[in-house]
């Protein structure tokens, strides 16, 4: 578990989070889902909330890292939380 691998995991989490919540390439998908669920629904909120999406992306990145042997399996949960926090923090510093 070296520092560069951990940092890359955090940045991958942040990038995937931004891709889902803000990037134009997935805007048509987000728009379609929001129209289907309603603008004020909890599901619409969950796909546009950086903090909400980052926990799932952090879990995915941490799990893939554990399954491929980049870090021990016990580290997946703390890394998920740490990656989510880094992604959420970076998103809050970025603005709209």
PDB file of N, CA and C in Angstrom:
ATOM      1  N   UNK A   1       0.842  -1.175   0.000  1.00  0.00           N
ATOM      2  CA  UNK A   1       0.000   0.000   0.000  1.00  0.00           C
ATOM      3  C   UNK A   1       0.892   1.244   0.000  1.00  0.00           C
ATOM      4  N   UNK A   2       1.378   1.633  -1.145  1.00  0.00           N
ATOM      5  CA  UNK A   2       2.226   2.820  -1.192  1.00  0.00           C
ATOM      6  C   UNK A   2       1.389   4.082  -1.389  1.00  0.00           C
ATOM      7  N   UNK A   3       1.975   5.215  -1.075  1.00  0.00           N
ATOM      8  CA  UNK A   3       1.250   6.491  -1.086  1.00  0.00           C
ATOM      9  C   UNK A   3       0.744   6.857  -2.481  1.00  0.00           C
ATOM     10  N   UNK A   4       1.505   6.561  -3.507  1.00  0.00           N
ATOM     11  CA  UNK A   4       1.086   6.918  -4.863  1.00  0.00           C
ATOM     12  C   UNK A   4      -0.166   6.118  -5.260  1.00  0.00           C
ATOM     13  N   UNK A   5      -0.186   4.842  -4.946  1.00  0.00           N
ATOM     14  CA  UNK A   5      -1.361   4.018  -5.256  1.00  0.00           C
ATOM     15  C   UNK A   5      -2.588   4.527  -4.512  1.00  0.00           C
ATOM     16  N   UNK A   6      -2.420   4.885  -3.251  1.00  0.00           N
ATOM     17  CA  UNK A   6      -3.536   5.416  -2.468  1.00  0.00           C
ATOM     18  C   UNK A   6      -4.034   6.744  -3.045  1.00  0.00           C
ATOM     19  N   UNK A   7      -3.108   7.605  -3.445  1.00  0.00           N
ATOM     20  CA  UNK A   7      -3.490   8.901  -4.028  1.00  0.00           C
ATOM     21  C   UNK A   7      -4.212   8.704  -5.356  1.00  0.00           C
ATOM     22  N   UNK A   8      -3.741   7.779  -6.157  1.00  0.00           N
ATOM     23  CA  UNK A   8      -4.405   7.501  -7.431  1.00  0.00           C
ATOM     24  C   UNK A   8      -5.826   6.997  -7.183  1.00  0.00           C
ATOM     25  N   UNK A   9      -6.007   6.144  -6.198  1.00  0.00           N
ATOM     26  CA  UNK A   9      -7.348   5.669  -5.853  1.00  0.00           C
ATOM     27  C   UNK A   9      -8.270   6.813  -5.469  1.00  0.00           C
ATOM     28  N   UNK A  10      -7.760   7.762  -4.706  1.00  0.00           N
ATOM     29  CA  UNK A  10      -8.561   8.921  -4.301  1.00  0.00           C
ATOM     30  C   UNK A  10      -8.934   9.765  -5.512  1.00  0.00           C
ATOM     31  N   UNK A  11      -7.985   9.972  -6.413  1.00  0.00           N
ATOM     32  CA  UNK A  11      -8.260  10.785  -7.599  1.00  0.00           C
ATOM     33  C   UNK A  11      -9.192  10.067  -8.578  1.00  0.00           C
ATOM     34  N   UNK A  12      -9.078   8.767  -8.684  1.00  0.00           N
ATOM     35  CA  UNK A  12     -10.017   7.994  -9.520  1.00  0.00           C
ATOM     36  C   UNK A  12     -11.432   8.135  -8.961  1.00  0.00           C
ATOM     37  N   UNK A  13     -11.563   8.045  -7.646  1.00  0.00           N
ATOM     38  CA  UNK A  13     -12.869   8.216  -7.014  1.00  0.00           C
ATOM     39  C   UNK A  13     -13.436   9.599  -7.316  1.00  0.00           C
ATOM     40  N   UNK A  14     -12.605  10.625  -7.187  1.00  0.00           N
ATOM     41  CA  UNK A  14     -13.050  11.996  -7.461  1.00  0.00           C
ATOM     42  C   UNK A  14     -13.465  12.157  -8.920  1.00  0.00           C
ATOM     43  N   UNK A  15     -12.714  11.583  -9.815  1.00  0.00           N
ATOM     44  CA  UNK A  15     -13.025  11.721 -11.241  1.00  0.00           C
ATOM     45  C   UNK A  15     -14.316  11.004 -11.612  1.00  0.00           C
ATOM     46  N   UNK A  16     -14.494   9.787 -11.110  1.00  0.00           N
ATOM     47  CA  UNK A  16     -15.723   9.053 -11.389  1.00  0.00           C
ATOM     48  C   UNK A  16     -16.942   9.765 -10.800  1.00  0.00           C
ATOM     49  N   UNK A  17     -16.761  10.330  -9.621  1.00  0.00           N
ATOM     50  CA  UNK A  17     -17.851  11.079  -8.990  1.00  0.00           C
ATOM     51  C   UNK A  17     -18.246  12.259  -9.853  1.00  0.00           C
ATOM     52  N   UNK A  18     -17.273  13.012 -10.335  1.00  0.00           N
ATOM     53  CA  UNK A  18     -17.569  14.172 -11.178  1.00  0.00           C
ATOM     54  C   UNK A  18     -18.221  13.743 -12.491  1.00  0.00           C
ATOM     55  N   UNK A  19     -17.739  12.648 -13.043  1.00  0.00           N
ATOM     56  CA  UNK A  19     -18.307  12.134 -14.289  1.00  0.00           C
ATOM     57  C   UNK A  19     -19.814  11.871 -14.127  1.00  0.00           C
ATOM     58  N   UNK A  20     -20.188  11.276 -13.024  1.00  0.00           N
ATOM     59  CA  UNK A  20     -21.600  10.948 -12.798  1.00  0.00           C
ATOM     60  C   UNK A  20     -22.430  12.173 -12.441  1.00  0.00           C
ATOM     61  N   UNK A  21     -21.898  13.059 -11.598  1.00  0.00           N
ATOM     62  CA  UNK A  21     -22.717  14.152 -11.068  1.00  0.00           C
ATOM     63  C   UNK A  21     -22.715  15.424 -11.902  1.00  0.00           C
ATOM     64  N   UNK A  22     -21.667  15.688 -12.686  1.00  0.00           N
ATOM     65  CA  UNK A  22     -21.567  17.006 -13.325  1.00  0.00           C
ATOM     66  C   UNK A  22     -21.158  17.034 -14.797  1.00  0.00           C
ATOM     67  N   UNK A  23     -20.389  16.085 -15.244  1.00  0.00           N
ATOM     68  CA  UNK A  23     -19.842  16.184 -16.595  1.00  0.00           C
ATOM     69  C   UNK A  23     -20.923  16.139 -17.674  1.00  0.00           C
ATOM     70  N   UNK A  24     -20.682  16.881 -18.737  1.00  0.00           N
ATOM     71  CA  UNK A  24     -21.634  16.987 -19.837  1.00  0.00           C
ATOM     72  C   UNK A  24     -21.853  15.668 -20.563  1.00  0.00           C
ATOM     73  N   UNK A  25     -20.847  14.811 -20.588  1.00  0.00           N
ATOM     74  CA  UNK A  25     -20.985  13.559 -21.332  1.00  0.00           C
ATOM     75  C   UNK A  25     -22.121  12.686 -20.779  1.00  0.00           C
ATOM     76  N   UNK A  26     -22.392  12.764 -19.478  1.00  0.00           N
ATOM     77  CA  UNK A  26     -23.491  12.001 -18.894  1.00  0.00           C
ATOM     78  C   UNK A  26     -24.723  12.859 -18.594  1.00  0.00           C
ATOM     79  N   UNK A  27     -24.706  14.097 -19.048  1.00  0.00           N
ATOM     80  CA  UNK A  27     -25.856  14.977 -18.819  1.00  0.00           C
ATOM     81  C   UNK A  27     -27.152  14.399 -19.401  1.00  0.00           C
ATOM     82  N   UNK A  28     -27.145  13.834 -20.622  1.00  0.00           N
ATOM     83  CA  UNK A  28     -28.398  13.271 -21.151  1.00  0.00           C
ATOM     84  C   UNK A  28     -28.948  12.144 -20.273  1.00  0.00           C
ATOM     85  N   UNK A  29     -28.068  11.333 -19.722  1.00  0.00           N
ATOM     86  CA  UNK A  29     -28.514  10.239 -18.853  1.00  0.00           C
ATOM     87  C   UNK A  29     -29.102  10.808 -17.566  1.00  0.00           C
ATOM     88  N   UNK A  30     -28.387  11.762 -16.948  1.00  0.00           N
ATOM     89  CA  UNK A  30     -28.907  12.399 -15.726  1.00  0.00           C
ATOM     90  C   UNK A  30     -30.253  13.064 -15.987  1.00  0.00           C
ATOM     91  N   UNK A  31     -30.344  13.805 -17.092  1.00  0.00           N
ATOM     92  CA  UNK A  31     -31.593  14.512 -17.424  1.00  0.00           C
ATOM     93  C   UNK A  31     -32.747  13.527 -17.579  1.00  0.00           C
ATOM     94  N   UNK A  32     -32.514  12.435 -18.294  1.00  0.00           N
ATOM     95  CA  UNK A  32     -33.548  11.430 -18.505  1.00  0.00           C
ATOM     96  C   UNK A  32     -34.013  10.827 -17.173  1.00  0.00           C
ATOM     97  N   UNK A  33     -33.061  10.520 -16.305  1.00  0.00           N
ATOM     98  CA  UNK A  33     -33.416   9.949 -15.006  1.00  0.00           C
ATOM     99  C   UNK A  33     -34.170  10.954 -14.133  1.00  0.00           C
ATOM    100  N   UNK A  34     -33.735  12.204 -14.159  1.00  0.00           N
ATOM    101  CA  UNK A  34     -34.414  13.237 -13.375  1.00  0.00           C
ATOM    102  C   UNK A  34     -35.831  13.462 -13.878  1.00  0.00           C
ATOM    103  N   UNK A  35     -36.008  13.465 -15.187  1.00  0.00           N
ATOM    104  CA  UNK A  35     -37.357  13.612 -15.744  1.00  0.00           C
ATOM    105  C   UNK A  35     -38.238  12.428 -15.363  1.00  0.00           C
ATOM    106  N   UNK A  36     -37.666  11.250 -15.355  1.00  0.00           N
ATOM    107  CA  UNK A  36     -38.423  10.048 -15.011  1.00  0.00           C
ATOM    108  C   UNK A  36     -38.811  10.024 -13.535  1.00  0.00           C
ATOM    109  N   UNK A  37     -37.864  10.369 -12.656  1.00  0.00           N
ATOM    110  CA  UNK A  37     -38.092  10.283 -11.210  1.00  0.00           C
ATOM    111  C   UNK A  37     -38.713  11.543 -10.621  1.00  0.00           C
ATOM    112  N   UNK A  38     -38.595  12.663 -11.324  1.00  0.00           N
ATOM    113  CA  UNK A  38     -39.053  13.943 -10.780  1.00  0.00           C
ATOM    114  C   UNK A  38     -37.888  14.729 -10.208  1.00  0.00           C
ATOM    115  N   UNK A  39     -37.891  16.024 -10.464  1.00  0.00           N
ATOM    116  CA  UNK A  39     -36.776  16.895 -10.083  1.00  0.00           C
ATOM    117  C   UNK A  39     -36.499  16.885  -8.578  1.00  0.00           C
ATOM    118  N   UNK A  40     -37.533  16.786  -7.784  1.00  0.00           N
ATOM    119  CA  UNK A  40     -37.375  16.865  -6.338  1.00  0.00           C
ATOM    120  C   UNK A  40     -37.325  15.507  -5.641  1.00  0.00           C
ATOM    121  N   UNK A  41     -37.167  14.432  -6.401  1.00  0.00           N
ATOM    122  CA  UNK A  41     -37.139  13.105  -5.783  1.00  0.00           C
ATOM    123  C   UNK A  41     -35.778  12.826  -5.143  1.00  0.00           C
ATOM    124  N   UNK A  42     -35.788  11.907  -4.210  1.00  0.00           N
ATOM    125  CA  UNK A  42     -34.551  11.508  -3.539  1.00  0.00           C
ATOM    126  C   UNK A  42     -33.577  10.859  -4.523  1.00  0.00           C
ATOM    127  N   UNK A  43     -34.081  10.074  -5.464  1.00  0.00           N
ATOM    128  CA  UNK A  43     -33.213   9.425  -6.443  1.00  0.00           C
ATOM    129  C   UNK A  43     -32.526  10.458  -7.342  1.00  0.00           C
ATOM    130  N   UNK A  44     -33.243  11.493  -7.735  1.00  0.00           N
ATOM    131  CA  UNK A  44     -32.631  12.558  -8.533  1.00  0.00           C
ATOM    132  C   UNK A  44     -31.537  13.254  -7.733  1.00  0.00           C
ATOM    133  N   UNK A  45     -31.817  13.503  -6.476  1.00  0.00           N
ATOM    134  CA  UNK A  45     -30.810  14.116  -5.604  1.00  0.00           C
ATOM    135  C   UNK A  45     -29.575  13.230  -5.493  1.00  0.00           C
ATOM    136  N   UNK A  46     -29.783  11.926  -5.350  1.00  0.00           N
ATOM    137  CA  UNK A  46     -28.655  11.018  -5.151  1.00  0.00           C
ATOM    138  C   UNK A  46     -27.721  10.932  -6.349  1.00  0.00           C
ATOM    139  N   UNK A  47     -28.201  11.190  -7.559  1.00  0.00           N
ATOM    140  CA  UNK A  47     -27.299  11.124  -8.723  1.00  0.00           C
ATOM    141  C   UNK A  47     -26.655  12.471  -9.034  1.00  0.00           C
ATOM    142  N   UNK A  48     -27.044  13.515  -8.302  1.00  0.00           N
ATOM    143  CA  UNK A  48     -26.431  14.822  -8.527  1.00  0.00           C
ATOM    144  C   UNK A  48     -25.642  15.302  -7.316  1.00  0.00           C
ATOM    145  N   UNK A  49     -25.662  14.555  -6.242  1.00  0.00           N
ATOM    146  CA  UNK A  49     -24.964  14.921  -5.005  1.00  0.00           C
ATOM    147  C   UNK A  49     -23.562  14.311  -5.011  1.00  0.00           C
ATOM    148  N   UNK A  50     -22.545  15.177  -4.987  1.00  0.00           N
ATOM    149  CA  UNK A  50     -21.158  14.698  -5.003  1.00  0.00           C
ATOM    150  C   UNK A  50     -20.848  13.796  -3.811  1.00  0.00           C
ATOM    151  N   UNK A  51     -21.319  14.189  -2.646  1.00  0.00           N
ATOM    152  CA  UNK A  51     -21.029  13.408  -1.435  1.00  0.00           C
ATOM    153  C   UNK A  51     -21.718  12.043  -1.505  1.00  0.00           C
ATOM    154  N   UNK A  52     -22.922  11.999  -2.052  1.00  0.00           N
ATOM    155  CA  UNK A  52     -23.668  10.742  -2.150  1.00  0.00           C
ATOM    156  C   UNK A  52     -23.020   9.783  -3.141  1.00  0.00           C
ATOM    157  N   UNK A  53     -22.695  10.279  -4.308  1.00  0.00           N
ATOM    158  CA  UNK A  53     -22.092   9.436  -5.342  1.00  0.00           C
ATOM    159  C   UNK A  53     -20.688   9.005  -4.937  1.00  0.00           C
ATOM    160  N   UNK A  54     -19.965   9.881  -4.247  1.00  0.00           N
ATOM    161  CA  UNK A  54     -18.573   9.563  -3.899  1.00  0.00           C
ATOM    162  C   UNK A  54     -18.456   8.365  -2.970  1.00  0.00           C
ATOM    163  N   UNK A  55     -19.448   8.116  -2.129  1.00  0.00           N
ATOM    164  CA  UNK A  55     -19.357   6.950  -1.244  1.00  0.00           C
ATOM    165  C   UNK A  55     -19.441   5.662  -2.053  1.00  0.00           C
ATOM    166  N   UNK A  56     -20.289   5.665  -3.093  1.00  0.00           N
ATOM    167  CA  UNK A  56     -20.408   4.478  -3.944  1.00  0.00           C
ATOM    168  C   UNK A  56     -19.170   4.300  -4.826  1.00  0.00           C
ATOM    169  N   UNK A  57     -18.655   5.390  -5.336  1.00  0.00           N
ATOM    170  CA  UNK A  57     -17.448   5.299  -6.156  1.00  0.00           C
ATOM    171  C   UNK A  57     -16.238   4.905  -5.292  1.00  0.00           C
ATOM    172  N   UNK A  58     -16.179   5.455  -4.084  1.00  0.00           N
ATOM    173  CA  UNK A  58     -15.109   5.070  -3.156  1.00  0.00           C
ATOM    174  C   UNK A  58     -15.175   3.587  -2.829  1.00  0.00           C
ATOM    175  N   UNK A  59     -16.386   3.081  -2.637  1.00  0.00           N
ATOM    176  CA  UNK A  59     -16.562   1.651  -2.357  1.00  0.00           C
ATOM    177  C   UNK A  59     -16.098   0.805  -3.539  1.00  0.00           C
ATOM    178  N   UNK A  60     -16.439   1.244  -4.739  1.00  0.00           N
ATOM    179  CA  UNK A  60     -16.031   0.490  -5.934  1.00  0.00           C
ATOM    180  C   UNK A  60     -14.511   0.479  -6.087  1.00  0.00           C
ATOM    181  N   UNK A  61     -13.885   1.639  -5.946  1.00  0.00           N
ATOM    182  CA  UNK A  61     -12.429   1.728  -6.103  1.00  0.00           C
ATOM    183  C   UNK A  61     -11.727   0.926  -5.007  1.00  0.00           C
ATOM    184  N   UNK A  62     -12.177   1.061  -3.772  1.00  0.00           N
ATOM    185  CA  UNK A  62     -11.554   0.338  -2.663  1.00  0.00           C
ATOM    186  C   UNK A  62     -11.720  -1.173  -2.821  1.00  0.00           C
ATOM    187  N   UNK A  63     -12.880  -1.603  -3.295  1.00  0.00           N
ATOM    188  CA  UNK A  63     -13.125  -3.029  -3.490  1.00  0.00           C
ATOM    189  C   UNK A  63     -12.271  -3.588  -4.615  1.00  0.00           C
ATOM    190  N   UNK A  64     -12.186  -2.863  -5.717  1.00  0.00           N
ATOM    191  CA  UNK A  64     -11.345  -3.318  -6.837  1.00  0.00           C
ATOM    192  C   UNK A  64      -9.890  -3.412  -6.384  1.00  0.00           C
ATOM    193  N   UNK A  65      -9.429  -2.422  -5.640  1.00  0.00           N
ATOM    194  CA  UNK A  65      -8.057  -2.463  -5.129  1.00  0.00           C
ATOM    195  C   UNK A  65      -7.811  -3.650  -4.221  1.00  0.00           C
ATOM    196  N   UNK A  66      -8.773  -3.962  -3.364  1.00  0.00           N
ATOM    197  CA  UNK A  66      -8.637  -5.104  -2.462  1.00  0.00           C
ATOM    198  C   UNK A  66      -8.659  -6.424  -3.234  1.00  0.00           C
ATOM    199  N   UNK A  67      -9.553  -6.517  -4.205  1.00  0.00           N
ATOM    200  CA  UNK A  67      -9.675  -7.757  -4.978  1.00  0.00           C
ATOM    201  C   UNK A  67      -8.489  -8.002  -5.905  1.00  0.00           C
ATOM    202  N   UNK A  68      -7.818  -6.940  -6.319  1.00  0.00           N
ATOM    203  CA  UNK A  68      -6.651  -7.107  -7.197  1.00  0.00           C
ATOM    204  C   UNK A  68      -5.344  -7.161  -6.419  1.00  0.00           C
ATOM    205  N   UNK A  69      -5.434  -7.076  -5.096  1.00  0.00           N
ATOM    206  CA  UNK A  69      -4.242  -7.215  -4.278  1.00  0.00           C
ATOM    207  C   UNK A  69      -3.439  -5.945  -4.055  1.00  0.00           C
ATOM    208  N   UNK A  70      -4.003  -4.786  -4.399  1.00  0.00           N
ATOM    209  CA  UNK A  70      -3.277  -3.531  -4.167  1.00  0.00           C
ATOM    210  C   UNK A  70      -3.173  -3.207  -2.684  1.00  0.00           C
ATOM    211  N   UNK A  71      -4.156  -3.643  -1.918  1.00  0.00           N
ATOM    212  CA  UNK A  71      -4.150  -3.479  -0.464  1.00  0.00           C
ATOM    213  C   UNK A  71      -4.942  -4.631   0.131  1.00  0.00           C
ATOM    214  N   UNK A  72      -4.769  -4.866   1.425  1.00  0.00           N
ATOM    215  CA  UNK A  72      -5.508  -5.969   2.048  1.00  0.00           C
ATOM    216  C   UNK A  72      -7.006  -5.700   2.085  1.00  0.00           C
ATOM    217  N   UNK A  73      -7.787  -6.756   2.119  1.00  0.00           N
ATOM    218  CA  UNK A  73      -9.247  -6.610   2.117  1.00  0.00           C
ATOM    219  C   UNK A  73      -9.760  -5.802   3.297  1.00  0.00           C
ATOM    220  N   UNK A  74      -9.107  -5.928   4.455  1.00  0.00           N
ATOM    221  CA  UNK A  74      -9.570  -5.182   5.633  1.00  0.00           C
ATOM    222  C   UNK A  74      -9.497  -3.680   5.399  1.00  0.00           C
ATOM    223  N   UNK A  75      -8.649  -3.245   4.481  1.00  0.00           N
ATOM    224  CA  UNK A  75      -8.469  -1.814   4.231  1.00  0.00           C
ATOM    225  C   UNK A  75      -9.560  -1.226   3.340  1.00  0.00           C
ATOM    226  N   UNK A  76     -10.400  -2.053   2.741  1.00  0.00           N
ATOM    227  CA  UNK A  76     -11.389  -1.550   1.787  1.00  0.00           C
ATOM    228  C   UNK A  76     -12.377  -0.574   2.430  1.00  0.00           C
ATOM    229  N   UNK A  77     -12.859  -0.864   3.613  1.00  0.00           N
ATOM    230  CA  UNK A  77     -13.854   0.022   4.241  1.00  0.00           C
ATOM    231  C   UNK A  77     -13.241   1.369   4.625  1.00  0.00           C
ATOM    232  N   UNK A  78     -12.100   1.399   5.332  1.00  0.00           N
ATOM    233  CA  UNK A  78     -11.535   2.719   5.630  1.00  0.00           C
ATOM    234  C   UNK A  78     -11.126   3.489   4.369  1.00  0.00           C
ATOM    235  N   UNK A  79     -10.643   2.782   3.355  1.00  0.00           N
ATOM    236  CA  UNK A  79     -10.282   3.471   2.111  1.00  0.00           C
ATOM    237  C   UNK A  79     -11.520   4.007   1.407  1.00  0.00           C
ATOM    238  N   UNK A  80     -12.605   3.259   1.420  1.00  0.00           N
ATOM    239  CA  UNK A  80     -13.865   3.739   0.842  1.00  0.00           C
ATOM    240  C   UNK A  80     -14.256   5.068   1.480  1.00  0.00           C
ATOM    241  N   UNK A  81     -14.225   5.125   2.793  1.00  0.00           N
ATOM    242  CA  UNK A  81     -14.606   6.354   3.500  1.00  0.00           C
ATOM    243  C   UNK A  81     -13.624   7.493   3.214  1.00  0.00           C
ATOM    244  N   UNK A  82     -12.352   7.179   3.211  1.00  0.00           N
ATOM    245  CA  UNK A  82     -11.340   8.211   2.944  1.00  0.00           C
ATOM    246  C   UNK A  82     -11.465   8.720   1.506  1.00  0.00           C
ATOM    247  N   UNK A  83     -11.628   7.815   0.556  1.00  0.00           N
ATOM    248  CA  UNK A  83     -11.768   8.219  -0.847  1.00  0.00           C
ATOM    249  C   UNK A  83     -13.020   9.065  -1.046  1.00  0.00           C
ATOM    250  N   UNK A  84     -14.100   8.688  -0.395  1.00  0.00           N
ATOM    251  CA  UNK A  84     -15.326   9.466  -0.489  1.00  0.00           C
ATOM    252  C   UNK A  84     -15.107  10.877   0.047  1.00  0.00           C
ATOM    253  N   UNK A  85     -14.422  10.977   1.155  1.00  0.00           N
ATOM    254  CA  UNK A  85     -14.186  12.297   1.745  1.00  0.00           C
ATOM    255  C   UNK A  85     -13.329  13.164   0.828  1.00  0.00           C
ATOM    256  N   UNK A  86     -12.277  12.585   0.279  1.00  0.00           N
ATOM    257  CA  UNK A  86     -11.406  13.343  -0.632  1.00  0.00           C
ATOM    258  C   UNK A  86     -12.206  13.819  -1.843  1.00  0.00           C
ATOM    259  N   UNK A  87     -13.013  12.944  -2.426  1.00  0.00           N
ATOM    260  CA  UNK A  87     -13.812  13.310  -3.600  1.00  0.00           C
ATOM    261  C   UNK A  87     -14.819  14.405  -3.258  1.00  0.00           C
ATOM    262  N   UNK A  88     -15.498  14.263  -2.127  1.00  0.00           N
ATOM    263  CA  UNK A  88     -16.462  15.271  -1.705  1.00  0.00           C
ATOM    264  C   UNK A  88     -15.792  16.602  -1.435  1.00  0.00           C
ATOM    265  N   UNK A  89     -14.650  16.563  -0.793  1.00  0.00           N
ATOM    266  CA  UNK A  89     -13.918  17.795  -0.484  1.00  0.00           C
ATOM    267  C   UNK A  89     -13.472  18.491  -1.785  1.00  0.00           C
ATOM    268  N   UNK A  90     -12.903  17.728  -2.700  1.00  0.00           N
ATOM    269  CA  UNK A  90     -12.463  18.307  -3.969  1.00  0.00           C
ATOM    270  C   UNK A  90     -13.651  18.892  -4.744  1.00  0.00           C
ATOM    271  N   UNK A  91     -14.775  18.211  -4.729  1.00  0.00           N
ATOM    272  CA  UNK A  91     -15.965  18.726  -5.417  1.00  0.00           C
ATOM    273  C   UNK A  91     -16.439  20.021  -4.776  1.00  0.00           C
ATOM    274  N   UNK A  92     -16.370  20.121  -3.467  1.00  0.00           N
ATOM    275  CA  UNK A  92     -16.827  21.344  -2.785  1.00  0.00           C
ATOM    276  C   UNK A  92     -15.898  22.518  -3.062  1.00  0.00           C
ATOM    277  N   UNK A  93     -14.656  22.252  -3.360  1.00  0.00           N
ATOM    278  CA  UNK A  93     -13.691  23.306  -3.674  1.00  0.00           C
ATOM    279  C   UNK A  93     -13.785  23.730  -5.133  1.00  0.00           C
ATOM    280  N   UNK A  94     -14.383  22.906  -5.959  1.00  0.00           N
ATOM    281  CA  UNK A  94     -14.440  23.146  -7.397  1.00  0.00           C
ATOM    282  C   UNK A  94     -15.516  24.158  -7.788  1.00  0.00           C
ATOM    283  N   UNK A  95     -16.609  24.178  -7.078  1.00  0.00           N
ATOM    284  CA  UNK A  95     -17.716  25.036  -7.460  1.00  0.00           C
ATOM    285  C   UNK A  95     -18.563  24.401  -8.540  1.00  0.00           C
ATOM    286  N   UNK A  96     -19.494  25.167  -9.070  1.00  0.00           N
ATOM    287  CA  UNK A  96     -20.416  24.621 -10.080  1.00  0.00           C
ATOM    288  C   UNK A  96     -19.810  24.666 -11.441  1.00  0.00           C
TER     289      UNK A  96
END
